[in-house]
Protein backbone atom coordinates (compact mmCIF):
# COMPACT_ATOMS: atom_id res chain seq x y z
CA MET A 1 -16.34 24.41 -4.31
CA GLU A 2 -16.32 21.12 -2.92
CA LEU A 3 -18.27 17.20 -5.26
CA VAL A 4 -18.70 13.22 -3.80
CA GLY A 5 -18.11 10.95 -6.43
CA ARG A 6 -16.51 7.48 -7.96
CA ILE A 7 -13.59 8.23 -9.45
CA GLU A 8 -15.09 6.69 -13.31
CA SER A 9 -12.27 6.82 -15.15
CA ILE A 10 -8.34 8.74 -15.04
CA LEU A 11 -7.38 10.31 -18.84
CA SER A 12 -3.92 10.11 -19.44
CA GLU A 13 -1.48 12.95 -19.32
CA ARG A 14 -0.94 15.58 -22.06
CA SER A 15 1.42 18.76 -22.64
CA ILE A 16 -0.28 21.32 -22.88
CA GLY A 17 2.35 24.59 -23.66
CA SER A 18 6.55 24.34 -25.08
CA ASN A 19 7.81 24.79 -21.34
CA GLY A 20 7.42 21.18 -21.04
CA ASN A 21 3.97 21.00 -18.19
CA VAL A 22 1.75 18.61 -17.40
CA VAL A 23 -2.16 18.51 -16.59
CA ASN A 24 -3.23 15.25 -15.44
CA GLY A 25 -7.14 14.05 -15.06
CA PHE A 26 -9.84 12.15 -13.64
CA VAL A 27 -13.38 11.97 -14.21
CA VAL A 28 -15.98 11.39 -10.96
CA ARG A 29 -19.63 10.02 -11.58
CA THR A 30 -21.93 11.99 -8.78
CA GLU A 31 -24.49 9.64 -6.11
CA GLY A 32 -27.98 10.00 -6.39
CA SER A 33 -30.99 9.18 -8.99
CA HIS A 34 -29.36 12.28 -11.23
CA ALA A 35 -26.57 11.18 -11.73
CA HIS A 36 -23.48 13.32 -13.46
CA CYS A 37 -19.90 12.64 -14.51
CA VAL A 38 -17.74 15.50 -14.67
CA GLN A 39 -14.21 15.73 -15.49
CA PHE A 40 -11.23 17.29 -13.19
CA ASP A 41 -7.91 18.60 -14.10
CA VAL A 42 -4.56 18.42 -12.28
CA TYR A 43 -1.69 20.57 -12.79
CA GLY A 44 1.70 19.98 -12.28
CA VAL A 45 3.46 16.62 -11.57
CA GLU A 46 4.09 17.12 -7.97
CA ARG A 47 -0.12 18.27 -7.42
CA TRP A 48 -0.87 14.24 -9.44
CA SER A 49 1.59 13.02 -7.63
CA LEU A 50 -0.26 13.99 -3.61
CA MET A 51 -4.23 12.67 -5.85
CA SER A 52 -2.48 9.98 -7.11
CA GLU A 53 -3.20 7.78 -4.15
CA ALA A 54 -6.57 8.71 -3.99
CA VAL A 55 -7.72 8.77 -7.50
CA VAL A 56 -7.92 5.33 -8.30
CA VAL A 57 -10.87 3.43 -10.12
CA GLY A 58 -14.12 2.43 -8.12
CA ASN A 59 -12.82 5.04 -4.80
CA ARG A 60 -15.87 7.39 -2.96
CA VAL A 61 -14.26 10.39 -2.46
CA ASN A 62 -14.36 13.80 -1.90
CA VAL A 63 -13.49 16.68 -4.33
CA VAL A 64 -12.43 19.75 -3.18
CA PHE A 65 -12.16 21.39 -6.48
CA ASP A 66 -12.52 25.64 -8.57
CA VAL A 67 -14.18 26.87 -11.80
CA SER A 68 -13.46 28.72 -13.91
CA SER A 69 -14.98 29.59 -18.07
CA ARG A 70 -13.29 31.89 -20.24
CA GLU A 71 -13.98 33.46 -23.71
CA TRP A 72 -11.82 32.17 -26.94
CA ASN A 73 -13.39 33.44 -30.34
CA GLY A 74 -16.76 33.66 -29.85
CA ARG A 75 -16.96 31.04 -27.66
CA TRP A 76 -16.86 29.42 -23.84
CA TYR A 77 -14.76 26.86 -22.30
CA THR A 78 -15.02 25.69 -18.24
CA SER A 79 -12.62 23.49 -16.94
CA CYS A 80 -12.38 21.58 -12.84
CA VAL A 81 -8.86 22.23 -11.63
CA ALA A 82 -8.97 19.94 -8.64
CA PHE A 83 -6.38 20.75 -5.71
CA LYS A 84 -7.35 17.71 -2.97
CA VAL A 85 -8.84 14.56 -2.49
CA ILE A 86 -9.71 12.28 -0.13
CA VAL A 87 -11.33 9.41 -0.35
CA LEU A 88 -14.41 8.00 1.49
CA GLY A 89 -14.05 4.64 1.00
CA VAL A 90 -14.42 1.80 -1.12
């Protein structure tokens, strides 16, 4: 999937699991009269280092991502995992 919008904020790096894996994240505000904010996760230091130059607050970007949902204790959680960020303008 793809989404176009502006980088609203960059989230703090957080650790997941006991093996030291990290997740970085950012929020994009979509365009149009009914704009929404969408949080994206980026798993792994290597992938984040490839995207970090494009992920700057205020940049207009196209985010290529995957959406997945999972159930835990009777509740459903959805996450958007970014694979590529293309800068469209500032």
